[in-house]
């Protein structure tokens, strides 16, 4: 039963594999972007999960308080920044896919490569 106690790591691993599979196996550029977003979300989940401290409190140090466990707020701040960067990267990727659709008439990877080689 202890193996099931690490369900957040199992969710991380499953999401990571789903995202990686979508990026590698799909030829559709939109599906590749969605796979990258899922992959990125899995990394965020892992990073936040590793920061969890059992019995940890906010890092507010007061006089007379000794031997307490504190949670580090830095990983949450870094993940918030990474989420903003991830959303903007996804938006840029979608804009590039729109331009590819306008230029080549398709968002399938093999069709874009074929059209690029023919010209």
PDB file of N, CA and C in Angstrom:
ATOM      1  N   UNK A   1       0.812  -1.207   0.000  1.00  0.00           N
ATOM      2  CA  UNK A   1       0.000   0.000   0.000  1.00  0.00           C
ATOM      3  C   UNK A   1       0.850   1.264   0.000  1.00  0.00           C
ATOM      4  N   UNK A   2       2.079   1.151   0.476  1.00  0.00           N
ATOM      5  CA  UNK A   2       2.912   2.352   0.527  1.00  0.00           C
ATOM      6  C   UNK A   2       3.230   2.880  -0.870  1.00  0.00           C
ATOM      7  N   UNK A   3       3.267   2.002  -1.845  1.00  0.00           N
ATOM      8  CA  UNK A   3       3.528   2.418  -3.220  1.00  0.00           C
ATOM      9  C   UNK A   3       2.418   3.330  -3.734  1.00  0.00           C
ATOM     10  N   UNK A   4       1.183   3.075  -3.316  1.00  0.00           N
ATOM     11  CA  UNK A   4       0.062   3.907  -3.731  1.00  0.00           C
ATOM     12  C   UNK A   4       0.036   5.237  -2.986  1.00  0.00           C
ATOM     13  N   UNK A   5       0.810   5.365  -1.929  1.00  0.00           N
ATOM     14  CA  UNK A   5       0.884   6.612  -1.185  1.00  0.00           C
ATOM     15  C   UNK A   5       1.565   7.727  -1.961  1.00  0.00           C
ATOM     16  N   UNK A   6       2.268   7.368  -2.995  1.00  0.00           N
ATOM     17  CA  UNK A   6       2.954   8.348  -3.828  1.00  0.00           C
ATOM     18  C   UNK A   6       2.164   8.618  -5.105  1.00  0.00           C
ATOM     19  N   UNK A   7       0.841   8.807  -4.959  1.00  0.00           N
ATOM     20  CA  UNK A   7      -0.012   8.966  -6.141  1.00  0.00           C
ATOM     21  C   UNK A   7       0.348  10.204  -6.949  1.00  0.00           C
ATOM     22  N   UNK A   8       0.849  11.254  -6.286  1.00  0.00           N
ATOM     23  CA  UNK A   8       1.203  12.460  -7.039  1.00  0.00           C
ATOM     24  C   UNK A   8       2.373  12.191  -7.992  1.00  0.00           C
ATOM     25  N   UNK A   9       3.287  11.318  -7.612  1.00  0.00           N
ATOM     26  CA  UNK A   9       4.378  10.959  -8.513  1.00  0.00           C
ATOM     27  C   UNK A   9       3.882  10.084  -9.657  1.00  0.00           C
ATOM     28  N   UNK A  10       2.890   9.236  -9.383  1.00  0.00           N
ATOM     29  CA  UNK A  10       2.289   8.430 -10.445  1.00  0.00           C
ATOM     30  C   UNK A  10       1.575   9.323 -11.456  1.00  0.00           C
ATOM     31  N   UNK A  11       0.848  10.318 -10.956  1.00  0.00           N
ATOM     32  CA  UNK A  11       0.168  11.261 -11.851  1.00  0.00           C
ATOM     33  C   UNK A  11       1.201  12.012 -12.682  1.00  0.00           C
ATOM     34  N   UNK A  12       2.289  12.429 -12.040  1.00  0.00           N
ATOM     35  CA  UNK A  12       3.374  13.098 -12.760  1.00  0.00           C
ATOM     36  C   UNK A  12       3.906  12.219 -13.886  1.00  0.00           C
ATOM     37  N   UNK A  13       4.195  10.965 -13.580  1.00  0.00           N
ATOM     38  CA  UNK A  13       4.771  10.066 -14.579  1.00  0.00           C
ATOM     39  C   UNK A  13       3.798   9.809 -15.729  1.00  0.00           C
ATOM     40  N   UNK A  14       2.521   9.638 -15.412  1.00  0.00           N
ATOM     41  CA  UNK A  14       1.527   9.386 -16.460  1.00  0.00           C
ATOM     42  C   UNK A  14       1.378  10.609 -17.356  1.00  0.00           C
ATOM     43  N   UNK A  15       1.255  11.797 -16.759  1.00  0.00           N
ATOM     44  CA  UNK A  15       1.137  13.019 -17.557  1.00  0.00           C
ATOM     45  C   UNK A  15       2.380  13.253 -18.410  1.00  0.00           C
ATOM     46  N   UNK A  16       3.537  12.981 -17.854  1.00  0.00           N
ATOM     47  CA  UNK A  16       4.782  13.143 -18.595  1.00  0.00           C
ATOM     48  C   UNK A  16       4.818  12.226 -19.822  1.00  0.00           C
ATOM     49  N   UNK A  17       4.419  10.973 -19.639  1.00  0.00           N
ATOM     50  CA  UNK A  17       4.430  10.026 -20.751  1.00  0.00           C
ATOM     51  C   UNK A  17       3.363  10.375 -21.797  1.00  0.00           C
ATOM     52  N   UNK A  18       2.200  10.847 -21.365  1.00  0.00           N
ATOM     53  CA  UNK A  18       1.162  11.253 -22.314  1.00  0.00           C
ATOM     54  C   UNK A  18       1.661  12.424 -23.155  1.00  0.00           C
ATOM     55  N   UNK A  19       2.250  13.411 -22.502  1.00  0.00           N
ATOM     56  CA  UNK A  19       2.775  14.561 -23.233  1.00  0.00           C
ATOM     57  C   UNK A  19       3.890  14.181 -24.189  1.00  0.00           C
ATOM     58  N   UNK A  20       4.805  13.341 -23.740  1.00  0.00           N
ATOM     59  CA  UNK A  20       5.909  12.903 -24.595  1.00  0.00           C
ATOM     60  C   UNK A  20       5.395  12.101 -25.783  1.00  0.00           C
ATOM     61  N   UNK A  21       4.425  11.231 -25.553  1.00  0.00           N
ATOM     62  CA  UNK A  21       3.836  10.438 -26.639  1.00  0.00           C
ATOM     63  C   UNK A  21       3.173  11.350 -27.670  1.00  0.00           C
ATOM     64  N   UNK A  22       2.444  12.356 -27.194  1.00  0.00           N
ATOM     65  CA  UNK A  22       1.762  13.273 -28.120  1.00  0.00           C
ATOM     66  C   UNK A  22       2.768  14.052 -28.964  1.00  0.00           C
ATOM     67  N   UNK A  23       3.875  14.444 -28.374  1.00  0.00           N
ATOM     68  CA  UNK A  23       4.878  15.201 -29.127  1.00  0.00           C
ATOM     69  C   UNK A  23       5.577  14.319 -30.154  1.00  0.00           C
ATOM     70  N   UNK A  24       5.898  13.101 -29.790  1.00  0.00           N
ATOM     71  CA  UNK A  24       6.666  12.227 -30.673  1.00  0.00           C
ATOM     72  C   UNK A  24       5.812  11.593 -31.758  1.00  0.00           C
ATOM     73  N   UNK A  25       4.613  11.145 -31.420  1.00  0.00           N
ATOM     74  CA  UNK A  25       3.857  10.315 -32.360  1.00  0.00           C
ATOM     75  C   UNK A  25       2.918  11.077 -33.274  1.00  0.00           C
ATOM     76  N   UNK A  26       2.570  12.283 -32.959  1.00  0.00           N
ATOM     77  CA  UNK A  26       1.584  13.019 -33.751  1.00  0.00           C
ATOM     78  C   UNK A  26       2.244  13.898 -34.790  1.00  0.00           C
ATOM     79  N   UNK A  27       1.607  14.006 -35.951  1.00  0.00           N
ATOM     80  CA  UNK A  27       2.114  14.858 -37.013  1.00  0.00           C
ATOM     81  C   UNK A  27       1.417  16.200 -37.067  1.00  0.00           C
ATOM     82  N   UNK A  28       0.285  16.300 -36.374  1.00  0.00           N
ATOM     83  CA  UNK A  28      -0.474  17.540 -36.339  1.00  0.00           C
ATOM     84  C   UNK A  28       0.216  18.526 -35.397  1.00  0.00           C
ATOM     85  N   UNK A  29       0.467  19.729 -35.868  1.00  0.00           N
ATOM     86  CA  UNK A  29       1.220  20.696 -35.069  1.00  0.00           C
ATOM     87  C   UNK A  29       0.449  21.163 -33.831  1.00  0.00           C
ATOM     88  N   UNK A  30      -0.875  21.246 -33.913  1.00  0.00           N
ATOM     89  CA  UNK A  30      -1.682  21.622 -32.750  1.00  0.00           C
ATOM     90  C   UNK A  30      -1.582  20.543 -31.672  1.00  0.00           C
ATOM     91  N   UNK A  31      -1.646  19.292 -32.086  1.00  0.00           N
ATOM     92  CA  UNK A  31      -1.528  18.185 -31.123  1.00  0.00           C
ATOM     93  C   UNK A  31      -0.147  18.161 -30.491  1.00  0.00           C
ATOM     94  N   UNK A  32       0.865  18.520 -31.250  1.00  0.00           N
ATOM     95  CA  UNK A  32       2.214  18.615 -30.682  1.00  0.00           C
ATOM     96  C   UNK A  32       2.278  19.712 -29.614  1.00  0.00           C
ATOM     97  N   UNK A  33       1.642  20.852 -29.871  1.00  0.00           N
ATOM     98  CA  UNK A  33       1.624  21.930 -28.882  1.00  0.00           C
ATOM     99  C   UNK A  33       0.861  21.518 -27.627  1.00  0.00           C
ATOM    100  N   UNK A  34      -0.250  20.816 -27.802  1.00  0.00           N
ATOM    101  CA  UNK A  34      -0.991  20.327 -26.637  1.00  0.00           C
ATOM    102  C   UNK A  34      -0.159  19.321 -25.843  1.00  0.00           C
ATOM    103  N   UNK A  35       0.573  18.461 -26.540  1.00  0.00           N
ATOM    104  CA  UNK A  35       1.458  17.515 -25.863  1.00  0.00           C
ATOM    105  C   UNK A  35       2.548  18.225 -25.072  1.00  0.00           C
ATOM    106  N   UNK A  36       3.102  19.290 -25.643  1.00  0.00           N
ATOM    107  CA  UNK A  36       4.100  20.072 -24.907  1.00  0.00           C
ATOM    108  C   UNK A  36       3.500  20.723 -23.666  1.00  0.00           C
ATOM    109  N   UNK A  37       2.262  21.182 -23.760  1.00  0.00           N
ATOM    110  CA  UNK A  37       1.601  21.792 -22.605  1.00  0.00           C
ATOM    111  C   UNK A  37       1.348  20.762 -21.504  1.00  0.00           C
ATOM    112  N   UNK A  38       0.940  19.564 -21.891  1.00  0.00           N
ATOM    113  CA  UNK A  38       0.732  18.496 -20.905  1.00  0.00           C
ATOM    114  C   UNK A  38       2.058  18.119 -20.260  1.00  0.00           C
ATOM    115  N   UNK A  39       3.092  17.995 -21.056  1.00  0.00           N
ATOM    116  CA  UNK A  39       4.429  17.679 -20.549  1.00  0.00           C
ATOM    117  C   UNK A  39       4.884  18.743 -19.546  1.00  0.00           C
ATOM    118  N   UNK A  40       4.662  19.992 -19.903  1.00  0.00           N
ATOM    119  CA  UNK A  40       5.056  21.103 -19.044  1.00  0.00           C
ATOM    120  C   UNK A  40       4.269  21.097 -17.729  1.00  0.00           C
ATOM    121  N   UNK A  41       2.986  20.797 -17.801  1.00  0.00           N
ATOM    122  CA  UNK A  41       2.162  20.722 -16.591  1.00  0.00           C
ATOM    123  C   UNK A  41       2.648  19.615 -15.669  1.00  0.00           C
ATOM    124  N   UNK A  42       3.093  18.512 -16.243  1.00  0.00           N
ATOM    125  CA  UNK A  42       3.628  17.414 -15.433  1.00  0.00           C
ATOM    126  C   UNK A  42       4.888  17.849 -14.696  1.00  0.00           C
ATOM    127  N   UNK A  43       5.734  18.595 -15.361  1.00  0.00           N
ATOM    128  CA  UNK A  43       6.955  19.085 -14.706  1.00  0.00           C
ATOM    129  C   UNK A  43       6.600  20.053 -13.573  1.00  0.00           C
ATOM    130  N   UNK A  44       5.610  20.902 -13.792  1.00  0.00           N
ATOM    131  CA  UNK A  44       5.163  21.808 -12.725  1.00  0.00           C
ATOM    132  C   UNK A  44       4.668  21.014 -11.520  1.00  0.00           C
ATOM    133  N   UNK A  45       3.874  19.991 -11.784  1.00  0.00           N
ATOM    134  CA  UNK A  45       3.353  19.152 -10.706  1.00  0.00           C
ATOM    135  C   UNK A  45       4.475  18.493  -9.924  1.00  0.00           C
ATOM    136  N   UNK A  46       5.474  17.968 -10.621  1.00  0.00           N
ATOM    137  CA  UNK A  46       6.592  17.326  -9.935  1.00  0.00           C
ATOM    138  C   UNK A  46       7.355  18.327  -9.069  1.00  0.00           C
ATOM    139  N   UNK A  47       7.589  19.493  -9.609  1.00  0.00           N
ATOM    140  CA  UNK A  47       8.372  20.496  -8.893  1.00  0.00           C
ATOM    141  C   UNK A  47       7.652  20.959  -7.631  1.00  0.00           C
ATOM    142  N   UNK A  48       6.351  21.164  -7.723  1.00  0.00           N
ATOM    143  CA  UNK A  48       5.585  21.583  -6.552  1.00  0.00           C
ATOM    144  C   UNK A  48       5.465  20.447  -5.550  1.00  0.00           C
ATOM    145  N   UNK A  49       5.303  19.216  -6.032  1.00  0.00           N
ATOM    146  CA  UNK A  49       5.183  18.062  -5.140  1.00  0.00           C
ATOM    147  C   UNK A  49       6.459  17.843  -4.343  1.00  0.00           C
ATOM    148  N   UNK A  50       7.599  18.030  -4.972  1.00  0.00           N
ATOM    149  CA  UNK A  50       8.864  17.826  -4.261  1.00  0.00           C
ATOM    150  C   UNK A  50       9.059  18.849  -3.150  1.00  0.00           C
ATOM    151  N   UNK A  51       8.414  19.995  -3.236  1.00  0.00           N
ATOM    152  CA  UNK A  51       8.587  21.039  -2.238  1.00  0.00           C
ATOM    153  C   UNK A  51       7.705  20.822  -1.011  1.00  0.00           C
ATOM    154  N   UNK A  52       6.767  19.895  -1.066  1.00  0.00           N
ATOM    155  CA  UNK A  52       5.852  19.671   0.043  1.00  0.00           C
ATOM    156  C   UNK A  52       6.611  19.166   1.255  1.00  0.00           C
ATOM    157  N   UNK A  53       6.422  19.853   2.398  1.00  0.00           N
ATOM    158  CA  UNK A  53       7.059  19.460   3.647  1.00  0.00           C
ATOM    159  C   UNK A  53       5.955  19.099   4.635  1.00  0.00           C
ATOM    160  N   UNK A  54       5.965  17.859   5.103  1.00  0.00           N
ATOM    161  CA  UNK A  54       4.953  17.436   6.071  1.00  0.00           C
ATOM    162  C   UNK A  54       5.124  18.212   7.374  1.00  0.00           C
ATOM    163  N   UNK A  55       4.067  18.853   7.802  1.00  0.00           N
ATOM    164  CA  UNK A  55       4.116  19.632   9.036  1.00  0.00           C
ATOM    165  C   UNK A  55       4.793  20.975   8.873  1.00  0.00           C
ATOM    166  N   UNK A  56       5.083  21.359   7.655  1.00  0.00           N
ATOM    167  CA  UNK A  56       5.753  22.631   7.405  1.00  0.00           C
ATOM    168  C   UNK A  56       4.793  23.805   7.526  1.00  0.00           C
ATOM    169  N   UNK A  57       5.309  24.918   7.989  1.00  0.00           N
ATOM    170  CA  UNK A  57       4.505  26.131   8.120  1.00  0.00           C
ATOM    171  C   UNK A  57       5.119  27.223   7.247  1.00  0.00           C
ATOM    172  N   UNK A  58       4.456  28.352   7.234  1.00  0.00           N
ATOM    173  CA  UNK A  58       4.982  29.488   6.480  1.00  0.00           C
ATOM    174  C   UNK A  58       6.289  29.948   7.117  1.00  0.00           C
ATOM    175  N   UNK A  59       7.233  30.390   6.314  1.00  0.00           N
ATOM    176  CA  UNK A  59       8.545  30.776   6.856  1.00  0.00           C
ATOM    177  C   UNK A  59       8.524  32.166   7.503  1.00  0.00           C
ATOM    178  N   UNK A  60       7.762  32.271   8.563  1.00  0.00           N
ATOM    179  CA  UNK A  60       7.710  33.508   9.342  1.00  0.00           C
ATOM    180  C   UNK A  60       8.384  33.205  10.673  1.00  0.00           C
ATOM    181  N   UNK A  61       9.533  33.788  10.874  1.00  0.00           N
ATOM    182  CA  UNK A  61      10.326  33.491  12.063  1.00  0.00           C
ATOM    183  C   UNK A  61       9.997  34.523  13.135  1.00  0.00           C
ATOM    184  N   UNK A  62       9.635  34.028  14.321  1.00  0.00           N
ATOM    185  CA  UNK A  62       9.306  34.894  15.444  1.00  0.00           C
ATOM    186  C   UNK A  62      10.200  34.539  16.630  1.00  0.00           C
ATOM    187  N   UNK A  63      10.273  35.456  17.561  1.00  0.00           N
ATOM    188  CA  UNK A  63      11.025  35.184  18.789  1.00  0.00           C
ATOM    189  C   UNK A  63      10.325  34.098  19.593  1.00  0.00           C
ATOM    190  N   UNK A  64      11.099  33.222  20.166  1.00  0.00           N
ATOM    191  CA  UNK A  64      10.557  32.167  21.003  1.00  0.00           C
ATOM    192  C   UNK A  64      10.118  30.929  20.238  1.00  0.00           C
ATOM    193  N   UNK A  65      10.197  30.951  18.936  1.00  0.00           N
ATOM    194  CA  UNK A  65       9.811  29.787  18.136  1.00  0.00           C
ATOM    195  C   UNK A  65      11.084  29.031  17.765  1.00  0.00           C
ATOM    196  N   UNK A  66      11.130  27.793  18.155  1.00  0.00           N
ATOM    197  CA  UNK A  66      12.314  26.993  17.862  1.00  0.00           C
ATOM    198  C   UNK A  66      11.883  25.634  17.318  1.00  0.00           C
ATOM    199  N   UNK A  67      12.745  25.057  16.527  1.00  0.00           N
ATOM    200  CA  UNK A  67      12.543  23.708  15.999  1.00  0.00           C
ATOM    201  C   UNK A  67      11.212  23.536  15.282  1.00  0.00           C
ATOM    202  N   UNK A  68      10.964  24.398  14.326  1.00  0.00           N
ATOM    203  CA  UNK A  68       9.799  24.235  13.460  1.00  0.00           C
ATOM    204  C   UNK A  68      10.282  23.936  12.053  1.00  0.00           C
ATOM    205  N   UNK A  69       9.454  23.235  11.310  1.00  0.00           N
ATOM    206  CA  UNK A  69       9.752  22.964   9.913  1.00  0.00           C
ATOM    207  C   UNK A  69       9.076  24.029   9.060  1.00  0.00           C
ATOM    208  N   UNK A  70       9.824  24.577   8.137  1.00  0.00           N
ATOM    209  CA  UNK A  70       9.298  25.615   7.268  1.00  0.00           C
ATOM    210  C   UNK A  70       9.272  25.124   5.823  1.00  0.00           C
ATOM    211  N   UNK A  71       8.256  25.560   5.106  1.00  0.00           N
ATOM    212  CA  UNK A  71       8.181  25.285   3.668  1.00  0.00           C
ATOM    213  C   UNK A  71       8.863  26.423   2.930  1.00  0.00           C
ATOM    214  N   UNK A  72       9.597  26.074   1.904  1.00  0.00           N
ATOM    215  CA  UNK A  72      10.290  27.075   1.107  1.00  0.00           C
ATOM    216  C   UNK A  72       9.327  27.649   0.065  1.00  0.00           C
ATOM    217  N   UNK A  73       9.080  28.967   0.055  1.00  0.00           N
ATOM    218  CA  UNK A  73       8.146  29.542  -0.924  1.00  0.00           C
ATOM    219  C   UNK A  73       8.767  29.758  -2.308  1.00  0.00           C
ATOM    220  N   UNK A  74      10.074  29.640  -2.433  1.00  0.00           N
ATOM    221  CA  UNK A  74      10.731  29.919  -3.705  1.00  0.00           C
ATOM    222  C   UNK A  74      10.261  29.027  -4.861  1.00  0.00           C
ATOM    223  N   UNK A  75      10.091  27.707  -4.665  1.00  0.00           N
ATOM    224  CA  UNK A  75       9.615  26.890  -5.795  1.00  0.00           C
ATOM    225  C   UNK A  75       8.243  27.326  -6.329  1.00  0.00           C
ATOM    226  N   UNK A  76       7.331  27.743  -5.442  1.00  0.00           N
ATOM    227  CA  UNK A  76       6.027  28.205  -5.920  1.00  0.00           C
ATOM    228  C   UNK A  76       6.173  29.468  -6.760  1.00  0.00           C
ATOM    229  N   UNK A  77       7.057  30.349  -6.354  1.00  0.00           N
ATOM    230  CA  UNK A  77       7.275  31.580  -7.114  1.00  0.00           C
ATOM    231  C   UNK A  77       7.880  31.243  -8.478  1.00  0.00           C
ATOM    232  N   UNK A  78       8.827  30.328  -8.502  1.00  0.00           N
ATOM    233  CA  UNK A  78       9.436  29.933  -9.772  1.00  0.00           C
ATOM    234  C   UNK A  78       8.424  29.261 -10.695  1.00  0.00           C
ATOM    235  N   UNK A  79       7.536  28.452 -10.126  1.00  0.00           N
ATOM    236  CA  UNK A  79       6.523  27.783 -10.936  1.00  0.00           C
ATOM    237  C   UNK A  79       5.531  28.795 -11.483  1.00  0.00           C
ATOM    238  N   UNK A  80       5.157  29.803 -10.712  1.00  0.00           N
ATOM    239  CA  UNK A  80       4.274  30.851 -11.235  1.00  0.00           C
ATOM    240  C   UNK A  80       4.917  31.546 -12.431  1.00  0.00           C
ATOM    241  N   UNK A  81       6.196  31.824 -12.318  1.00  0.00           N
ATOM    242  CA  UNK A  81       6.906  32.431 -13.442  1.00  0.00           C
ATOM    243  C   UNK A  81       6.947  31.477 -14.636  1.00  0.00           C
ATOM    244  N   UNK A  82       7.183  30.199 -14.376  1.00  0.00           N
ATOM    245  CA  UNK A  82       7.235  29.212 -15.452  1.00  0.00           C
ATOM    246  C   UNK A  82       5.874  29.046 -16.126  1.00  0.00           C
ATOM    247  N   UNK A  83       4.789  29.169 -15.369  1.00  0.00           N
ATOM    248  CA  UNK A  83       3.454  29.078 -15.950  1.00  0.00           C
ATOM    249  C   UNK A  83       3.224  30.237 -16.913  1.00  0.00           C
ATOM    250  N   UNK A  84       3.617  31.426 -16.509  1.00  0.00           N
ATOM    251  CA  UNK A  84       3.465  32.593 -17.389  1.00  0.00           C
ATOM    252  C   UNK A  84       4.290  32.410 -18.666  1.00  0.00           C
ATOM    253  N   UNK A  85       5.508  31.936 -18.521  1.00  0.00           N
ATOM    254  CA  UNK A  85       6.353  31.698 -19.696  1.00  0.00           C
ATOM    255  C   UNK A  85       5.749  30.599 -20.570  1.00  0.00           C
ATOM    256  N   UNK A  86       5.208  29.558 -19.953  1.00  0.00           N
ATOM    257  CA  UNK A  86       4.590  28.477 -20.707  1.00  0.00           C
ATOM    258  C   UNK A  86       3.372  28.921 -21.496  1.00  0.00           C
ATOM    259  N   UNK A  87       2.538  29.757 -20.893  1.00  0.00           N
ATOM    260  CA  UNK A  87       1.354  30.258 -21.593  1.00  0.00           C
ATOM    261  C   UNK A  87       1.775  31.137 -22.769  1.00  0.00           C
ATOM    262  N   UNK A  88       2.760  31.989 -22.556  1.00  0.00           N
ATOM    263  CA  UNK A  88       3.199  32.858 -23.658  1.00  0.00           C
ATOM    264  C   UNK A  88       3.884  32.052 -24.763  1.00  0.00           C
ATOM    265  N   UNK A  89       4.616  31.013 -24.407  1.00  0.00           N
ATOM    266  CA  UNK A  89       5.243  30.156 -25.409  1.00  0.00           C
ATOM    267  C   UNK A  89       4.191  29.403 -26.219  1.00  0.00           C
ATOM    268  N   UNK A  90       3.150  28.924 -25.542  1.00  0.00           N
ATOM    269  CA  UNK A  90       2.063  28.250 -26.248  1.00  0.00           C
ATOM    270  C   UNK A  90       1.343  29.206 -27.187  1.00  0.00           C
ATOM    271  N   UNK A  91       1.111  30.433 -26.743  1.00  0.00           N
ATOM    272  CA  UNK A  91       0.465  31.428 -27.603  1.00  0.00           C
ATOM    273  C   UNK A  91       1.323  31.727 -28.829  1.00  0.00           C
ATOM    274  N   UNK A  92       2.621  31.854 -28.634  1.00  0.00           N
ATOM    275  CA  UNK A  92       3.521  32.076 -29.762  1.00  0.00           C
ATOM    276  C   UNK A  92       3.516  30.881 -30.717  1.00  0.00           C
ATOM    277  N   UNK A  93       3.528  29.678 -30.162  1.00  0.00           N
ATOM    278  CA  UNK A  93       3.469  28.476 -30.996  1.00  0.00           C
ATOM    279  C   UNK A  93       2.188  28.413 -31.812  1.00  0.00           C
ATOM    280  N   UNK A  94       1.059  28.778 -31.200  1.00  0.00           N
ATOM    281  CA  UNK A  94      -0.199  28.791 -31.935  1.00  0.00           C
ATOM    282  C   UNK A  94      -0.188  29.840 -33.043  1.00  0.00           C
ATOM    283  N   UNK A  95       0.417  30.987 -32.782  1.00  0.00           N
ATOM    284  CA  UNK A  95       0.523  32.023 -33.817  1.00  0.00           C
ATOM    285  C   UNK A  95       1.385  31.529 -34.981  1.00  0.00           C
ATOM    286  N   UNK A  96       2.449  30.813 -34.678  1.00  0.00           N
ATOM    287  CA  UNK A  96       3.302  30.263 -35.735  1.00  0.00           C
ATOM    288  C   UNK A  96       2.552  29.205 -36.540  1.00  0.00           C
ATOM    289  N   UNK A  97       1.727  28.391 -35.853  1.00  0.00           N
ATOM    290  CA  UNK A  97       0.936  27.382 -36.559  1.00  0.00           C
ATOM    291  C   UNK A  97      -0.066  28.054 -37.498  1.00  0.00           C
ATOM    292  N   UNK A  98      -0.651  29.168 -37.077  1.00  0.00           N
ATOM    293  CA  UNK A  98      -1.574  29.904 -37.951  1.00  0.00           C
ATOM    294  C   UNK A  98      -0.841  30.389 -39.198  1.00  0.00           C
ATOM    295  N   UNK A  99       0.354  30.916 -39.030  1.00  0.00           N
ATOM    296  CA  UNK A  99       1.141  31.380 -40.188  1.00  0.00           C
ATOM    297  C   UNK A  99       1.537  30.208 -41.096  1.00  0.00           C
ATOM    298  N   UNK A 100       1.866  29.068 -40.518  1.00  0.00           N
ATOM    299  CA  UNK A 100       2.191  27.884 -41.316  1.00  0.00           C
ATOM    300  C   UNK A 100       0.957  27.444 -42.109  1.00  0.00           C
ATOM    301  N   UNK A 101      -0.205  27.469 -41.481  1.00  0.00           N
ATOM    302  CA  UNK A 101      -1.451  27.104 -42.175  1.00  0.00           C
ATOM    303  C   UNK A 101      -1.715  28.050 -43.345  1.00  0.00           C
ATOM    304  N   UNK A 102      -1.467  29.351 -43.141  1.00  0.00           N
ATOM    305  CA  UNK A 102      -1.662  30.320 -44.223  1.00  0.00           C
ATOM    306  C   UNK A 102      -0.651  30.113 -45.352  1.00  0.00           C
ATOM    307  N   UNK A 103       0.580  29.794 -45.011  1.00  0.00           N
ATOM    308  CA  UNK A 103       1.633  29.664 -46.023  1.00  0.00           C
ATOM    309  C   UNK A 103       1.574  28.332 -46.772  1.00  0.00           C
ATOM    310  N   UNK A 104       1.290  27.233 -46.065  1.00  0.00           N
ATOM    311  CA  UNK A 104       1.358  25.909 -46.675  1.00  0.00           C
ATOM    312  C   UNK A 104      -0.003  25.260 -46.886  1.00  0.00           C
ATOM    313  N   UNK A 105      -1.039  25.790 -46.263  1.00  0.00           N
ATOM    314  CA  UNK A 105      -2.374  25.229 -46.419  1.00  0.00           C
ATOM    315  C   UNK A 105      -2.641  24.001 -45.578  1.00  0.00           C
ATOM    316  N   UNK A 106      -1.748  23.640 -44.675  1.00  0.00           N
ATOM    317  CA  UNK A 106      -1.918  22.461 -43.843  1.00  0.00           C
ATOM    318  C   UNK A 106      -1.132  22.645 -42.542  1.00  0.00           C
ATOM    319  N   UNK A 107      -1.579  21.922 -41.521  1.00  0.00           N
ATOM    320  CA  UNK A 107      -0.821  21.919 -40.265  1.00  0.00           C
ATOM    321  C   UNK A 107      -0.275  20.527 -39.956  1.00  0.00           C
ATOM    322  N   UNK A 108      -0.344  19.644 -40.956  1.00  0.00           N
ATOM    323  CA  UNK A 108       0.254  18.322 -40.810  1.00  0.00           C
ATOM    324  C   UNK A 108       1.737  18.424 -41.150  1.00  0.00           C
ATOM    325  N   UNK A 109       2.551  17.879 -40.270  1.00  0.00           N
ATOM    326  CA  UNK A 109       3.997  18.026 -40.384  1.00  0.00           C
ATOM    327  C   UNK A 109       4.553  17.466 -41.696  1.00  0.00           C
ATOM    328  N   UNK A 110       4.121  16.281 -42.073  1.00  0.00           N
ATOM    329  CA  UNK A 110       4.662  15.669 -43.292  1.00  0.00           C
ATOM    330  C   UNK A 110       4.255  16.444 -44.542  1.00  0.00           C
ATOM    331  N   UNK A 111       3.061  17.023 -44.562  1.00  0.00           N
ATOM    332  CA  UNK A 111       2.633  17.813 -45.714  1.00  0.00           C
ATOM    333  C   UNK A 111       3.428  19.118 -45.824  1.00  0.00           C
ATOM    334  N   UNK A 112       3.736  19.717 -44.691  1.00  0.00           N
ATOM    335  CA  UNK A 112       4.538  20.948 -44.691  1.00  0.00           C
ATOM    336  C   UNK A 112       5.946  20.647 -45.176  1.00  0.00           C
ATOM    337  N   UNK A 113       6.539  19.542 -44.705  1.00  0.00           N
ATOM    338  CA  UNK A 113       7.881  19.166 -45.149  1.00  0.00           C
ATOM    339  C   UNK A 113       7.903  18.873 -46.652  1.00  0.00           C
ATOM    340  N   UNK A 114       6.868  18.167 -47.130  1.00  0.00           N
ATOM    341  CA  UNK A 114       6.807  17.837 -48.554  1.00  0.00           C
ATOM    342  C   UNK A 114       6.661  19.093 -49.395  1.00  0.00           C
ATOM    343  N   UNK A 115       5.797  20.014 -48.981  1.00  0.00           N
ATOM    344  CA  UNK A 115       5.606  21.260 -49.725  1.00  0.00           C
ATOM    345  C   UNK A 115       6.867  22.104 -49.703  1.00  0.00           C
ATOM    346  N   UNK A 116       7.597  22.060 -48.592  1.00  0.00           N
ATOM    347  CA  UNK A 116       8.836  22.817 -48.470  1.00  0.00           C
ATOM    348  C   UNK A 116       9.927  22.241 -49.373  1.00  0.00           C
ATOM    349  N   UNK A 117       9.980  20.939 -49.503  1.00  0.00           N
ATOM    350  CA  UNK A 117      10.984  20.300 -50.361  1.00  0.00           C
ATOM    351  C   UNK A 117      10.670  20.474 -51.835  1.00  0.00           C
ATOM    352  N   UNK A 118       9.374  20.539 -52.180  1.00  0.00           N
ATOM    353  CA  UNK A 118       8.972  20.686 -53.575  1.00  0.00           C
ATOM    354  C   UNK A 118       9.270  22.081 -54.119  1.00  0.00           C
ATOM    355  N   UNK A 119       9.309  23.063 -53.242  1.00  0.00           N
ATOM    356  CA  UNK A 119       9.521  24.434 -53.733  1.00  0.00           C
ATOM    357  C   UNK A 119      10.963  24.857 -53.707  1.00  0.00           C
TER     358      UNK A 119
END
